[in-house]
Amino acid sequence: MSQPIIQATDAVAVTPSDTSDLLNVSVLYVGVGGHVKVQTRAGSDITFYNLNNGQFVPVQIRKVYATDTTATNLVAMPVRGYLR
């Protein structure tokens, strides 16, 4: 049975915004911990609370909101999926 694999194709610093989407659907790395409010690839808005320094947000996202986001040094990594 094939398993989906997600691999980042780049890495870019994120400036949270309540109005602008990321350029590409991405996974998110949190440099300095806190809360991160995102919009998922599927369009759901969700806040991840109490993320640690150096943690990844384990979902594909298209927006990082400024409102309710306290974590800093965020890095978006655009993803492409393939089967292994």
C-alpha atoms as a PDB file:
ATOM      1  CA  MET A   1       0.000   0.000   0.000  1.00  0.00           C
ATOM      2  CA  SER A   2       1.360   3.419  -0.933  1.00  0.00           C
ATOM      3  CA  GLN A   3       1.846   6.022   1.785  1.00  0.00           C
ATOM      4  CA  PRO A   4       1.603   9.744   1.057  1.00  0.00           C
ATOM      5  CA  ILE A   5       4.853  11.612   1.679  1.00  0.00           C
ATOM      6  CA  ILE A   6       5.073  15.367   2.046  1.00  0.00           C
ATOM      7  CA  GLN A   7       8.338  17.086   1.251  1.00  0.00           C
ATOM      8  CA  ALA A   8       9.100  20.805   1.466  1.00  0.00           C
ATOM      9  CA  THR A   9      10.373  22.478  -1.690  1.00  0.00           C
ATOM     10  CA  ASP A  10      11.575  25.767  -0.138  1.00  0.00           C
ATOM     11  CA  ALA A  11      11.583  27.767   3.116  1.00  0.00           C
ATOM     12  CA  VAL A  12      10.454  31.375   3.583  1.00  0.00           C
ATOM     13  CA  ALA A  13       9.966  33.642   6.594  1.00  0.00           C
ATOM     14  CA  VAL A  14       6.320  34.289   7.487  1.00  0.00           C
ATOM     15  CA  THR A  15       4.759  37.603   8.419  1.00  0.00           C
ATOM     16  CA  PRO A  16       1.345  36.730   9.896  1.00  0.00           C
ATOM     17  CA  SER A  17      -1.551  38.552   8.212  1.00  0.00           C
ATOM     18  CA  ASP A  18      -5.312  38.509   8.685  1.00  0.00           C
ATOM     19  CA  THR A  19      -5.851  39.303   4.986  1.00  0.00           C
ATOM     20  CA  SER A  20      -3.060  37.726   2.907  1.00  0.00           C
ATOM     21  CA  ASP A  21      -2.626  34.041   2.132  1.00  0.00           C
ATOM     22  CA  LEU A  22       0.787  32.403   1.890  1.00  0.00           C
ATOM     23  CA  LEU A  23       2.081  32.187  -1.672  1.00  0.00           C
ATOM     24  CA  ASN A  24       1.888  28.368  -1.534  1.00  0.00           C
ATOM     25  CA  VAL A  25       0.253  25.777   0.683  1.00  0.00           C
ATOM     26  CA  SER A  26       2.894  25.089   3.324  1.00  0.00           C
ATOM     27  CA  VAL A  27       3.793  23.354   6.543  1.00  0.00           C
ATOM     28  CA  LEU A  28       4.912  25.695   9.311  1.00  0.00           C
ATOM     29  CA  TYR A  29       7.961  25.717  11.558  1.00  0.00           C
ATOM     30  CA  VAL A  30       7.735  27.649  14.844  1.00  0.00           C
ATOM     31  CA  GLY A  31      11.038  29.188  15.930  1.00  0.00           C
ATOM     32  CA  VAL A  32       9.845  30.744  19.195  1.00  0.00           C
ATOM     33  CA  GLY A  33       6.844  29.049  20.777  1.00  0.00           C
ATOM     34  CA  GLY A  34       3.387  30.366  21.489  1.00  0.00           C
ATOM     35  CA  HIS A  35      -0.020  30.171  19.806  1.00  0.00           C
ATOM     36  CA  VAL A  36      -0.516  30.051  16.039  1.00  0.00           C
ATOM     37  CA  LYS A  37      -3.848  30.646  14.316  1.00  0.00           C
ATOM     38  CA  VAL A  38      -3.965  29.269  10.772  1.00  0.00           C
ATOM     39  CA  GLN A  39      -6.289  28.518   7.911  1.00  0.00           C
ATOM     40  CA  THR A  40      -5.785  24.971   6.683  1.00  0.00           C
ATOM     41  CA  ARG A  41      -5.563  23.854   3.088  1.00  0.00           C
ATOM     42  CA  ALA A  42      -9.185  22.678   3.417  1.00  0.00           C
ATOM     43  CA  GLY A  43     -10.286  26.138   4.626  1.00  0.00           C
ATOM     44  CA  SER A  44     -10.715  25.512   8.359  1.00  0.00           C
ATOM     45  CA  ASP A  45      -9.578  28.171  10.833  1.00  0.00           C
ATOM     46  CA  ILE A  46      -7.868  26.683  13.904  1.00  0.00           C
ATOM     47  CA  THR A  47      -5.561  27.909  16.659  1.00  0.00           C
ATOM     48  CA  PHE A  48      -2.726  25.668  17.834  1.00  0.00           C
ATOM     49  CA  TYR A  49      -2.066  26.587  21.460  1.00  0.00           C
ATOM     50  CA  ASN A  50       1.188  26.393  23.418  1.00  0.00           C
ATOM     51  CA  LEU A  51       3.482  25.255  20.610  1.00  0.00           C
ATOM     52  CA  ASN A  52       7.100  24.731  21.643  1.00  0.00           C
ATOM     53  CA  ASN A  53      10.243  26.330  20.255  1.00  0.00           C
ATOM     54  CA  GLY A  54      11.352  24.362  17.202  1.00  0.00           C
ATOM     55  CA  GLN A  55       8.006  22.637  16.653  1.00  0.00           C
ATOM     56  CA  PHE A  56       6.292  21.940  13.323  1.00  0.00           C
ATOM     57  CA  VAL A  57       2.561  22.486  12.803  1.00  0.00           C
ATOM     58  CA  PRO A  58       1.466  19.090  11.439  1.00  0.00           C
ATOM     59  CA  VAL A  59      -1.045  20.321   8.838  1.00  0.00           C
ATOM     60  CA  GLN A  60      -0.893  21.964   5.428  1.00  0.00           C
ATOM     61  CA  ILE A  61      -1.809  25.633   5.757  1.00  0.00           C
ATOM     62  CA  ARG A  62      -2.595  28.515   3.447  1.00  0.00           C
ATOM     63  CA  LYS A  63      -2.756  31.436   5.904  1.00  0.00           C
ATOM     64  CA  VAL A  64      -1.163  32.416   9.230  1.00  0.00           C
ATOM     65  CA  TYR A  65      -3.322  34.972  11.026  1.00  0.00           C
ATOM     66  CA  ALA A  66      -1.802  37.931  12.877  1.00  0.00           C
ATOM     67  CA  THR A  67      -4.732  37.960  15.301  1.00  0.00           C
ATOM     68  CA  ASP A  68      -4.287  35.299  18.017  1.00  0.00           C
ATOM     69  CA  THR A  69      -0.765  34.351  16.821  1.00  0.00           C
ATOM     70  CA  THR A  70       1.843  34.902  19.547  1.00  0.00           C
ATOM     71  CA  ALA A  71       4.594  32.579  18.261  1.00  0.00           C
ATOM     72  CA  THR A  72       7.443  34.217  16.334  1.00  0.00           C
ATOM     73  CA  ASN A  73      10.238  33.334  13.915  1.00  0.00           C
ATOM     74  CA  LEU A  74       7.773  31.400  11.764  1.00  0.00           C
ATOM     75  CA  VAL A  75       8.972  29.675   8.605  1.00  0.00           C
ATOM     76  CA  ALA A  76       6.651  28.382   5.861  1.00  0.00           C
ATOM     77  CA  MET A  77       7.831  25.425   3.824  1.00  0.00           C
ATOM     78  CA  PRO A  78       5.844  24.920   0.611  1.00  0.00           C
ATOM     79  CA  VAL A  79       4.978  21.262   0.130  1.00  0.00           C
ATOM     80  CA  ARG A  80       4.363  18.832  -2.638  1.00  0.00           C
ATOM     81  CA  GLY A  81       2.962  15.388  -2.004  1.00  0.00           C
ATOM     82  CA  TYR A  82       3.873  12.126  -3.636  1.00  0.00           C
ATOM     83  CA  LEU A  83       3.316   8.438  -2.968  1.00  0.00           C
ATOM     84  CA  ARG A  84       5.992   6.132  -1.670  1.00  0.00           C
END
